[in-house]
Structures are given as C-alpha cells and as structure tokens.
Protein backbone atom coordinates (compact mmCIF):
# COMPACT_ATOMS: atom_id res chain seq x y z
CA MET A 1 274.82 68.45 -45.69
CA ALA A 2 273.83 71.97 -46.73
CA ILE A 3 270.97 73.76 -44.98
CA ASP A 4 269.06 76.88 -46.00
CA LEU A 5 267.56 77.75 -42.61
CA GLY A 6 264.85 80.12 -43.75
CA THR A 7 262.13 82.05 -41.96
CA ALA A 8 259.46 80.47 -44.16
CA ASN A 9 260.99 77.16 -45.27
CA THR A 10 264.03 75.06 -44.46
CA LEU A 11 265.72 73.18 -47.30
CA VAL A 12 268.34 70.46 -46.92
CA TYR A 13 270.77 69.34 -49.62
CA ARG A 14 272.89 66.20 -49.60
CA PRO A 15 275.81 65.65 -52.01
CA GLY A 16 274.93 63.13 -54.69
CA ARG A 17 271.22 63.27 -53.84
CA GLY A 18 270.28 66.93 -54.28
CA ILE A 19 267.50 68.56 -52.24
CA VAL A 20 266.19 65.90 -49.86
CA LEU A 21 263.95 68.08 -47.67
CA ASN A 22 261.86 71.21 -48.16
CA GLU A 23 259.47 71.91 -45.28
CA PRO A 24 257.98 74.95 -43.51
CA SER A 25 260.03 76.27 -40.57
CA ILE A 26 257.24 75.72 -38.04
CA VAL A 27 256.90 73.69 -34.83
CA ALA A 28 253.56 72.92 -33.09
CA VAL A 29 253.68 72.48 -29.29
CA GLN A 30 251.23 71.90 -26.46
CA ARG A 31 250.88 75.10 -24.40
CA HIS A 32 250.90 73.57 -20.91
CA THR A 33 253.42 70.76 -21.33
CA GLY A 34 255.67 72.18 -24.06
CA LYS A 35 255.51 68.82 -25.84
CA VAL A 36 256.13 69.00 -29.58
CA VAL A 37 253.18 67.57 -31.53
CA GLY A 38 254.22 68.50 -35.06
CA CYS A 39 257.14 69.86 -37.07
CA GLY A 40 257.51 71.13 -40.61
CA SER A 41 254.64 70.20 -42.95
CA ASP A 42 252.63 68.65 -40.11
CA ALA A 43 252.80 71.88 -38.10
CA TRP A 44 251.99 73.98 -41.20
CA GLU A 45 248.68 72.18 -41.58
CA MET A 46 247.85 73.27 -38.01
CA LEU A 47 248.70 76.96 -38.57
CA GLY A 48 245.63 79.09 -37.83
CA ARG A 49 243.59 75.98 -37.02
CA THR A 50 245.02 74.88 -33.68
CA PRO A 51 242.84 74.39 -30.57
CA GLY A 52 243.53 76.47 -27.48
CA ASN A 53 246.02 73.99 -26.03
CA ILE A 54 248.27 73.90 -29.11
CA ARG A 55 250.26 76.76 -30.64
CA ALA A 56 252.29 76.92 -33.83
CA ILE A 57 255.73 78.49 -33.37
CA ARG A 58 258.10 79.88 -35.99
CA PRO A 59 261.60 79.43 -34.50
CA MET A 60 263.02 81.76 -37.17
CA ARG A 61 262.22 85.45 -37.31
CA ASP A 62 263.66 87.90 -39.85
CA GLY A 63 266.15 85.27 -40.98
CA VAL A 64 267.58 84.57 -37.50
CA ILE A 65 266.74 82.26 -34.60
CA ALA A 66 264.08 83.69 -32.29
CA ASP A 67 263.36 80.54 -30.24
CA PHE A 68 266.52 78.53 -29.49
CA GLN A 69 264.83 75.45 -28.05
CA MET A 70 262.36 75.08 -30.89
CA ALA A 71 265.07 75.76 -33.51
CA GLU A 72 267.19 72.98 -32.01
CA HIS A 73 264.26 70.56 -32.06
CA MET A 74 263.38 71.54 -35.64
CA LEU A 75 266.96 71.03 -36.82
CA ASN A 76 267.09 67.63 -35.10
CA GLN A 77 263.89 66.56 -36.84
CA PHE A 78 264.94 67.82 -40.25
CA ILE A 79 268.42 66.26 -40.05
CA ALA A 80 266.86 62.91 -39.11
CA LYS A 81 264.34 63.19 -41.98
CA ALA A 82 267.08 64.12 -44.45
CA HIS A 83 269.02 60.97 -43.47
CA GLN A 84 265.80 58.90 -43.53
CA ARG A 85 266.65 57.11 -40.31
CA ARG A 86 266.21 57.51 -36.58
CA THR A 87 269.72 56.59 -35.47
CA LEU A 88 272.05 59.37 -34.34
CA VAL A 89 273.89 61.17 -37.12
CA HIS A 90 276.57 63.82 -36.75
CA PRO A 91 276.79 65.56 -40.13
CA ARG A 92 279.08 68.32 -41.28
CA ILE A 93 276.73 71.24 -41.93
CA VAL A 94 277.03 74.36 -44.10
CA ILE A 95 274.32 76.93 -43.30
CA SER A 96 273.50 80.12 -45.21
CA ILE A 97 272.66 83.21 -43.13
CA PRO A 98 271.67 86.83 -43.92
CA SER A 99 274.61 89.12 -44.63
CA GLU A 100 274.02 91.63 -41.80
CA ILE A 101 273.11 89.53 -38.77
CA THR A 102 274.83 90.33 -35.49
CA GLU A 103 277.56 88.29 -33.81
CA VAL A 104 275.03 87.16 -31.17
CA GLU A 105 272.60 85.98 -33.86
CA ARG A 106 275.42 84.22 -35.68
CA ARG A 107 276.48 82.44 -32.48
CA ALA A 108 272.86 81.35 -31.93
CA VAL A 109 272.83 79.54 -35.29
CA ILE A 110 276.13 77.80 -34.51
CA ASP A 111 275.10 76.75 -30.99
CA SER A 112 271.71 75.43 -32.13
CA SER A 113 273.39 73.42 -34.90
CA TYR A 114 275.89 71.83 -32.53
CA ARG A 115 273.10 71.01 -30.07
CA ALA A 116 271.34 69.33 -32.99
CA LYS A 117 274.33 66.93 -33.11
CA ALA A 118 276.32 68.50 -35.97
CA SER A 119 280.00 67.51 -36.05
CA GLU A 120 281.09 70.71 -37.85
CA VAL A 121 279.23 73.93 -38.63
CA HIS A 122 280.23 76.40 -41.34
CA LEU A 123 278.33 79.65 -41.96
CA VAL A 124 278.23 81.35 -45.36
CA GLU A 125 276.48 84.54 -46.44
CA GLN A 126 273.15 83.98 -48.12
CA PRO A 127 273.54 86.33 -51.11
CA LEU A 128 276.84 84.70 -52.08
CA VAL A 129 275.47 81.16 -52.09
CA ALA A 130 272.21 82.29 -53.73
CA ALA A 131 274.24 83.79 -56.57
CA LEU A 132 276.27 80.60 -56.84
CA GLY A 133 273.11 78.48 -56.89
CA ALA A 134 271.60 80.75 -59.57
CA GLY A 135 274.57 80.01 -61.82
CA MET A 136 276.29 83.39 -61.56
CA PRO A 137 280.08 83.38 -62.15
CA VAL A 138 280.89 84.68 -58.66
CA THR A 139 284.56 83.59 -58.81
CA GLU A 140 285.32 85.79 -61.84
CA PRO A 141 286.68 89.37 -61.55
CA ARG A 142 283.39 90.83 -62.78
CA GLY A 143 280.42 92.44 -61.10
CA ASN A 144 277.41 90.30 -60.20
CA MET A 145 274.34 91.68 -58.45
CA ILE A 146 271.91 89.44 -56.59
CA ILE A 147 268.63 90.23 -54.81
CA ASP A 148 267.45 87.38 -52.59
CA ILE A 149 263.94 87.97 -51.21
CA GLY A 150 263.11 85.38 -48.58
CA GLY A 151 260.38 85.02 -45.99
CA GLY A 152 262.03 87.23 -43.38
CA THR A 153 264.79 89.19 -45.12
CA THR A 154 265.81 90.71 -48.44
CA ASP A 155 269.55 90.43 -49.13
CA ILE A 156 271.05 92.69 -51.80
CA ALA A 157 274.69 92.18 -52.75
CA ILE A 158 277.30 93.01 -55.35
CA ILE A 159 279.78 90.15 -55.75
CA SER A 160 283.15 89.80 -57.45
CA LEU A 161 286.04 87.32 -57.06
CA SER A 162 284.13 85.15 -54.56
CA GLY A 163 283.70 88.11 -52.23
CA ILE A 164 280.93 90.55 -51.37
CA VAL A 165 281.86 94.08 -52.43
CA TYR A 166 278.66 95.63 -51.08
CA SER A 167 275.73 94.12 -49.20
CA ARG A 168 272.55 95.23 -47.51
CA SER A 169 270.10 93.09 -45.58
CA LEU A 170 266.56 94.36 -44.98
CA ARG A 171 264.26 92.81 -42.39
CA ILE A 172 261.59 92.77 -45.09
CA GLY A 173 260.40 89.67 -46.93
CA GLY A 174 257.39 87.57 -47.75
CA TYR A 175 256.01 87.67 -44.21
CA ARG A 176 256.14 91.46 -44.07
CA MET A 177 254.18 91.49 -47.32
CA ASP A 178 251.59 89.14 -45.82
CA GLU A 179 251.30 91.38 -42.74
CA THR A 180 250.66 94.46 -44.88
CA ILE A 181 247.92 92.59 -46.75
CA ILE A 182 246.31 91.64 -43.41
CA ASP A 183 246.48 95.29 -42.28
CA TYR A 184 245.04 96.52 -45.59
CA ALA A 185 242.11 94.09 -45.41
CA ARG A 186 241.37 95.30 -41.87
CA ARG A 187 241.54 99.01 -42.80
CA ARG A 188 239.93 98.91 -46.24
CA PHE A 189 237.26 96.24 -45.81
CA GLY A 190 236.90 95.81 -42.04
CA LEU A 191 237.83 92.16 -42.56
CA LEU A 192 240.11 90.08 -40.35
CA ILE A 193 242.08 87.45 -42.30
CA GLY A 194 244.82 85.01 -41.30
CA GLU A 195 248.41 84.50 -42.45
CA ARG A 196 247.59 81.61 -44.79
CA THR A 197 244.79 83.58 -46.47
CA ALA A 198 247.06 86.62 -46.93
CA GLU A 199 249.75 84.46 -48.50
CA ARG A 200 247.24 82.79 -50.82
CA VAL A 201 245.86 86.16 -51.98
CA LYS A 202 249.42 87.42 -52.61
CA MET A 203 250.23 84.36 -54.72
CA GLU A 204 246.95 84.42 -56.65
CA ILE A 205 246.65 88.11 -57.59
CA GLY A 206 249.63 89.92 -56.05
CA SER A 207 251.79 92.02 -58.37
CA ALA A 208 254.36 94.80 -58.26
CA TYR A 209 253.28 96.44 -61.52
CA PRO A 210 249.89 96.97 -63.25
CA GLN A 211 248.73 93.84 -65.11
CA PRO A 212 247.45 93.60 -68.72
CA ARG A 213 244.03 92.57 -67.39
CA PRO A 214 242.51 93.12 -63.93
CA LEU A 215 242.66 90.24 -61.46
CA SER A 216 240.38 89.55 -58.50
CA TYR A 217 240.09 86.91 -55.79
CA PRO A 218 237.41 86.09 -53.17
CA VAL A 219 238.87 86.60 -49.69
CA LYS A 220 237.19 84.97 -46.71
CA GLY A 221 237.54 86.29 -43.18
CA ARG A 222 235.67 87.64 -40.17
CA ASP A 223 233.74 90.89 -40.26
CA LEU A 224 235.22 93.13 -37.56
CA THR A 225 231.88 94.90 -36.96
CA LEU A 226 229.46 91.98 -36.89
CA GLY A 227 231.89 89.25 -35.89
CA LEU A 228 230.46 86.98 -38.62
CA PRO A 229 232.16 85.25 -41.58
CA ARG A 230 232.24 87.38 -44.73
CA THR A 231 233.72 87.22 -48.21
CA VAL A 232 234.99 90.23 -50.17
CA MET A 233 236.46 90.46 -53.67
CA MET A 234 239.95 91.92 -53.62
CA SER A 235 241.64 93.13 -56.81
CA ASP A 236 245.27 93.17 -57.90
CA GLU A 237 245.18 96.95 -57.40
CA ASP A 238 244.22 96.36 -53.75
CA ILE A 239 247.24 94.12 -53.26
CA ARG A 240 249.56 96.63 -54.96
CA GLN A 241 248.28 99.30 -52.59
CA ALA A 242 248.89 96.97 -49.65
CA LEU A 243 252.45 96.22 -50.78
CA VAL A 244 253.52 99.82 -51.44
CA GLU A 245 255.64 100.17 -48.29
CA PRO A 246 257.70 96.94 -48.48
CA LEU A 247 258.23 97.20 -52.25
CA ASN A 248 259.32 100.84 -52.03
CA ALA A 249 261.83 99.91 -49.31
CA ILE A 250 263.29 97.10 -51.47
CA VAL A 251 263.55 99.31 -54.56
CA SER A 252 265.20 102.12 -52.56
CA ALA A 253 267.79 99.66 -51.20
CA ILE A 254 268.52 98.43 -54.74
CA LEU A 255 269.06 102.00 -55.98
CA LEU A 256 271.39 102.65 -53.04
CA ALA A 257 273.39 99.51 -53.85
CA LEU A 258 273.82 100.60 -57.48
CA GLU A 259 275.01 104.02 -56.28
CA HIS A 260 277.67 102.33 -54.11
CA ALA A 261 278.89 100.00 -56.87
CA PRO A 262 282.48 100.76 -58.05
CA PRO A 263 282.39 102.11 -61.63
CA GLU A 264 283.87 99.01 -63.29
CA LEU A 265 281.56 96.64 -61.44
CA GLY A 266 278.61 98.94 -62.09
CA GLY A 267 279.30 98.66 -65.81
CA ASP A 268 279.30 94.86 -65.54
CA ILE A 269 275.96 94.92 -63.73
CA PHE A 270 274.35 97.17 -66.36
CA GLU A 271 275.65 94.80 -69.04
CA ARG A 272 274.77 91.49 -67.37
CA GLY A 273 271.73 92.47 -65.33
CA ILE A 274 270.42 91.77 -61.83
CA ILE A 275 269.37 88.28 -60.73
CA LEU A 276 266.33 87.75 -58.47
CA THR A 277 266.09 84.73 -56.17
CA GLY A 278 264.01 83.67 -53.16
CA GLY A 279 260.29 83.03 -52.80
CA GLY A 280 259.49 86.76 -52.66
CA SER A 281 261.01 87.25 -56.12
CA MET A 282 258.10 85.24 -57.60
CA LEU A 283 255.71 88.16 -57.08
CA ARG A 284 254.23 89.03 -60.47
CA SER A 285 256.02 91.75 -62.46
CA LEU A 286 258.59 92.43 -59.72
CA ASP A 287 261.32 92.17 -62.36
CA GLU A 288 259.49 94.75 -64.50
CA ARG A 289 259.12 97.13 -61.53
CA ILE A 290 262.83 96.95 -60.66
CA HIS A 291 263.83 97.39 -64.33
CA ALA A 292 261.55 100.42 -64.66
CA GLU A 293 263.06 102.01 -61.51
CA THR A 294 266.73 101.25 -62.24
CA GLY A 295 267.06 100.87 -66.01
CA VAL A 296 269.05 97.66 -65.42
CA PRO A 297 267.98 94.34 -66.99
CA VAL A 298 266.44 92.04 -64.35
CA LEU A 299 266.21 88.24 -64.58
CA ARG A 300 264.63 85.71 -62.24
CA ALA A 301 266.69 82.62 -61.37
CA GLU A 302 265.51 79.31 -62.85
CA GLU A 303 264.90 77.88 -59.36
CA PRO A 304 264.40 80.95 -57.15
CA LEU A 305 263.18 78.98 -54.12
CA ALA A 306 266.15 76.59 -54.17
CA SER A 307 269.01 78.88 -55.26
CA ALA A 308 270.40 79.39 -51.74
CA VAL A 309 270.49 75.71 -50.78
CA LEU A 310 271.85 74.70 -54.20
CA GLY A 311 274.67 77.22 -53.82
CA THR A 312 275.32 76.06 -50.27
CA GLY A 313 275.45 72.51 -51.59
CA LYS A 314 278.10 73.52 -54.14
CA MET A 315 280.20 74.76 -51.22
CA LEU A 316 280.29 71.18 -49.93
CA GLU A 317 281.93 70.12 -53.16
CA ASP A 318 284.49 72.95 -53.21
CA PHE A 319 286.26 73.11 -49.85
CA ASP A 320 288.80 75.66 -51.10
CA LEU A 321 285.95 78.07 -51.86
CA LEU A 322 284.23 77.21 -48.57
CA ARG A 323 287.40 78.05 -46.62
CA ARG A 324 287.67 81.41 -48.40
CA VAL A 325 284.09 82.52 -47.75
CA CYS A 326 283.26 80.81 -44.44
CA LEU A 327 282.35 83.34 -41.72
CA ASN A 328 283.47 81.23 -38.78
C-alpha cells in the first residue's frame, strides 16, 4: 500500500482500489493512563473540546514524526482500517516524506512503519510523487516544477528524468498559516480563537491576493480582557495581513528555486508552468500571487489533496521507477 503520512491528514492507497483512507493525523489519549480513546476522524472531533483528562496529540510535526509511540499506534490503526479487517496484516509500504528531512527523521519513519507490522518499507521524496500524481511527465528529459504545500511543510522542486535537480523544503504549511491567524486575532482584536476556528476562517475568506469583492466572516472566541465569549467580523484583508509572513517566505523560496534552475530546464518551466499541489495550495488566488511575483504560468493540480498519495500509488505499479527513486 502507499501512504502519504502528512502532518494534517494521512491518506492510504491500495492498488486496484484507489484511495481507501483519508483521515486526520491525530490521536486522542487519556492523560493519566496513556490509553488511546480515539484516532483519526474520531480524535479530530475531540480537538479543542476534550475534557481535562483527555488530550489530542498530533504525532506528526513539520512533516516528520514527533511522537514515535503515537505514530506507531496511528499507523497500526490506519493500516487495519485500510484492509477493513482486524487480523494481522504485513503490507509492503511506500511512504512519501519531505525532501530535506534528516537521517534521524528518516529512520524514525522507517522504524515506526516496521513496528506497525510492515513487511517492507520504501521511502520516496514527496515532491517527486506529488508531481507524478499531478500528471507531470517526470520521466522525460524536460523541466518540471512542483510546489507541494502541506500541513507542516512546503516542498519546492525542479524535476527531470525521474530525478530532483533542485529541491527546498520549508517548515511552513497550513498549520503555520493557522497559527499566524490565531496570533493576528489576539493582537488585532484581543480575541483568543482555537485551531479549528482559524482553519475555518482561512478556508472561508482566506486569500493570497485582493479579491474582486470584499469577504467577511463572523469569528467566535474568548475576549482576552473580559474573559467572555465574543464574536468579531474578520475580513479577507485581515487574513491577508495575518498570512504575510508565511506567504512571503514561500514566494521567496520559489524565486530562489527559479534562480537555481539550469537554463534549459528554466526555459521548460517558463513554457509549461508551475504546478501547485497540497491542501495549502487551495488558498484563494495563491496561483495569481505566484504568477504575479514570478511571471511564470501557475496551475493547480486537479486533485491537490491527493496528488502525493496518488503518485506514491503509481510507484507500487512501477517497481523499476521505485528502485531508481527510493531513498532507502
């Protein structure tokens, strides 16, 4: 099976069946006993609403494993759900990982997968499989540029002949954007909001470029002065102000990648454009912002949320390609 082990969501693909699982990468545990009381969608429903004796844990942080025990349990649960049975299974697993993680972080993914009863574990770089899943001709001797904006990381890569010519991985993604919205609401309105509220506001009115008509959304939280519930109207301009730092960092990294592109591949990219994938790429007008800053055509993949796992799944069907690009 193919697994996109993401900071926000984990997707599982099985040959012949397609995507069989797409759930949040969250585990809920009892504080005193450490007993797991929810995983995936069940734990997501508890996020921000748990009593004092239960806490919601994200085993993944910035695209890598931050809690080994919880990551192992989560993988076990997801593998069992993907096979729709409770008996022991020992699948061959292909996992996509950020392009610039350390050897220690890479080993953590492998060890957790084997402890989750995998028979074989193969690691592949996320931008390569995201490009493959987005339908880019990565095996051809031509330049392809991919920007994969996930929950914890943004991977930028130039690809040719099934290899990565240049790559950059930023520890910036959808969660960093949510955090900046939380900080902005605290500073600008004196309002404390949670992660789920920040994400909802980002999805409803968030944008990277001015919109044809103003947008607004009622945001509920706790007044930091009075300690009472309060609702404020936030505009799309507020969200753009909140997202200035992460978006500027992403655009700067894209410009740096284009500067490092070999001339021939750079010409291909200017001709064929840049492809956006990942949940973060769904921010309104992000393609327009990148085009305005770079002058390069920018397209969003047809299935931005699933591109990485679809590309990883294609690796299962092409073992020659998997052997060439496998990191371990």
